[in-house]
Amino acid sequence: MRCCLLFSFSKLLEQKEQLEQKHLHLLQILDTERQSKWQYVQQTEELAAEVRKLKSEVIQFMFIHWVICSRRNRSCVTSFSFGEKINFKQIDSWTLLPLQDTH
């Protein structure tokens, strides 16, 4: 009987060791996934900032284009390719360098 108990106990210890190894493996996977998520969040934030910067540059370009066209009494295209209309009268925070005519 004592032999059976020792065998059962050693089997339990072996199963416990296997479970601990599986647990450690799952913790490593979880840590890797957390790091990947953090990297994706950082990349997403960087790309969102780049998109905001590019949109700002497009708006500034369109505003400068509109100013040049209005100085030369030409009709101007004032819509973006992504469908947003610009109301230049509502834009009040521009810092533009003086435009120079090439005439």
Protein backbone atom coordinates (compact mmCIF):
# COMPACT_ATOMS: atom_id res chain seq x y z
CA MET A 1 0.00 0.00 0.00
CA ARG A 2 2.80 2.37 0.84
CA CYS A 3 4.25 1.70 -2.59
CA CYS A 4 0.94 2.77 -4.21
CA LEU A 5 0.88 5.97 -2.18
CA LEU A 6 4.46 6.82 -3.19
CA PHE A 7 3.65 6.08 -6.80
CA SER A 8 0.52 8.29 -6.65
CA PHE A 9 2.46 11.05 -4.94
CA SER A 10 5.26 10.97 -7.52
CA LYS A 11 2.68 10.99 -10.28
CA LEU A 12 1.01 14.01 -8.69
CA LEU A 13 4.37 15.77 -8.43
CA GLU A 14 5.04 15.04 -12.08
CA GLN A 15 1.63 16.43 -13.09
CA LYS A 16 2.24 19.48 -10.92
CA GLU A 17 5.58 20.09 -12.67
CA GLN A 18 3.92 19.75 -16.07
CA LEU A 19 1.21 22.22 -15.07
CA GLU A 20 3.80 24.69 -13.80
CA GLN A 21 5.67 24.44 -17.11
CA LYS A 22 2.45 25.02 -19.05
CA HIS A 23 1.66 27.95 -16.79
CA LEU A 24 5.09 29.50 -17.40
CA HIS A 25 4.68 28.98 -21.12
CA LEU A 26 1.28 30.71 -21.07
CA LEU A 27 2.76 33.59 -19.06
CA GLN A 28 5.48 33.99 -21.69
CA ILE A 29 2.85 34.02 -24.44
CA LEU A 30 0.82 36.60 -22.53
CA ASP A 31 3.88 38.81 -22.05
CA THR A 32 4.75 38.56 -25.75
CA GLU A 33 1.19 39.49 -26.71
CA ARG A 34 1.23 42.48 -24.35
CA GLN A 35 4.49 43.70 -25.88
CA SER A 36 3.07 43.26 -29.39
CA LYS A 37 -0.06 45.16 -28.41
CA TRP A 38 2.01 48.00 -26.97
CA GLN A 39 4.05 48.20 -30.18
CA TYR A 40 0.86 48.27 -32.27
CA VAL A 41 -0.60 51.02 -30.08
CA GLN A 42 2.58 53.08 -30.48
CA GLN A 43 2.60 52.54 -34.25
CA THR A 44 -1.08 53.49 -34.46
CA GLU A 45 -0.48 56.69 -32.50
CA GLU A 46 2.51 57.57 -34.68
CA LEU A 47 0.52 56.94 -37.86
CA ALA A 48 -2.44 58.96 -36.57
CA ALA A 49 -0.10 61.86 -35.81
CA GLU A 50 1.36 61.57 -39.32
CA VAL A 51 -2.14 61.61 -40.84
CA ARG A 52 -3.02 64.74 -38.82
CA LYS A 53 0.21 66.39 -39.98
CA LEU A 54 -0.44 65.50 -43.63
CA LYS A 55 -4.04 66.73 -43.45
CA SER A 56 -2.77 69.98 -41.98
CA GLU A 57 -0.23 70.32 -44.77
CA VAL A 58 -2.92 69.67 -47.39
CA ILE A 59 -5.19 72.28 -45.83
CA GLN A 60 -2.34 74.78 -45.71
CA PHE A 61 -1.47 74.04 -49.33
CA MET A 62 -5.11 74.46 -50.37
CA PHE A 63 -5.32 77.73 -48.45
CA ILE A 64 -2.15 79.08 -50.08
CA HIS A 65 -3.46 77.93 -53.46
CA TRP A 66 -6.76 79.70 -52.78
CA VAL A 67 -4.93 82.91 -51.75
CA ILE A 68 -2.78 82.87 -54.88
CA CYS A 69 -5.79 82.21 -57.09
CA SER A 70 -7.81 84.96 -55.46
CA ARG A 71 -4.92 87.42 -55.91
CA ARG A 72 -4.79 86.54 -59.58
CA ASN A 73 -8.58 86.54 -59.98
CA ARG A 74 -8.73 82.89 -61.00
CA SER A 75 -11.25 80.31 -59.97
CA CYS A 76 -9.90 77.88 -57.41
CA VAL A 77 -10.63 74.28 -56.61
CA THR A 78 -11.52 74.19 -52.95
CA SER A 79 -12.37 70.58 -52.24
CA PHE A 80 -10.20 67.71 -51.18
CA SER A 81 -10.07 64.42 -52.97
CA PHE A 82 -11.46 62.83 -49.79
CA GLY A 83 -14.61 64.94 -50.12
CA GLU A 84 -14.15 67.56 -47.42
CA LYS A 85 -15.10 71.10 -48.39
CA ILE A 86 -12.96 73.91 -47.08
CA ASN A 87 -14.42 77.15 -45.85
CA PHE A 88 -11.35 79.36 -45.84
CA LYS A 89 -13.15 82.16 -44.03
CA GLN A 90 -13.37 79.92 -40.97
CA ILE A 91 -9.62 79.26 -40.93
CA ASP A 92 -8.13 81.92 -38.70
CA SER A 93 -4.89 80.46 -37.33
CA TRP A 94 -2.62 80.54 -40.36
CA THR A 95 0.90 81.85 -40.25
CA LEU A 96 1.81 82.45 -43.84
CA LEU A 97 4.93 83.95 -45.23
CA PRO A 98 4.28 86.86 -47.59
CA LEU A 99 3.43 85.52 -51.00
CA GLN A 100 5.60 86.77 -53.80
CA ASP A 101 4.28 87.28 -57.28
CA THR A 102 6.54 85.99 -60.02
CA HIS A 103 5.40 88.69 -62.49
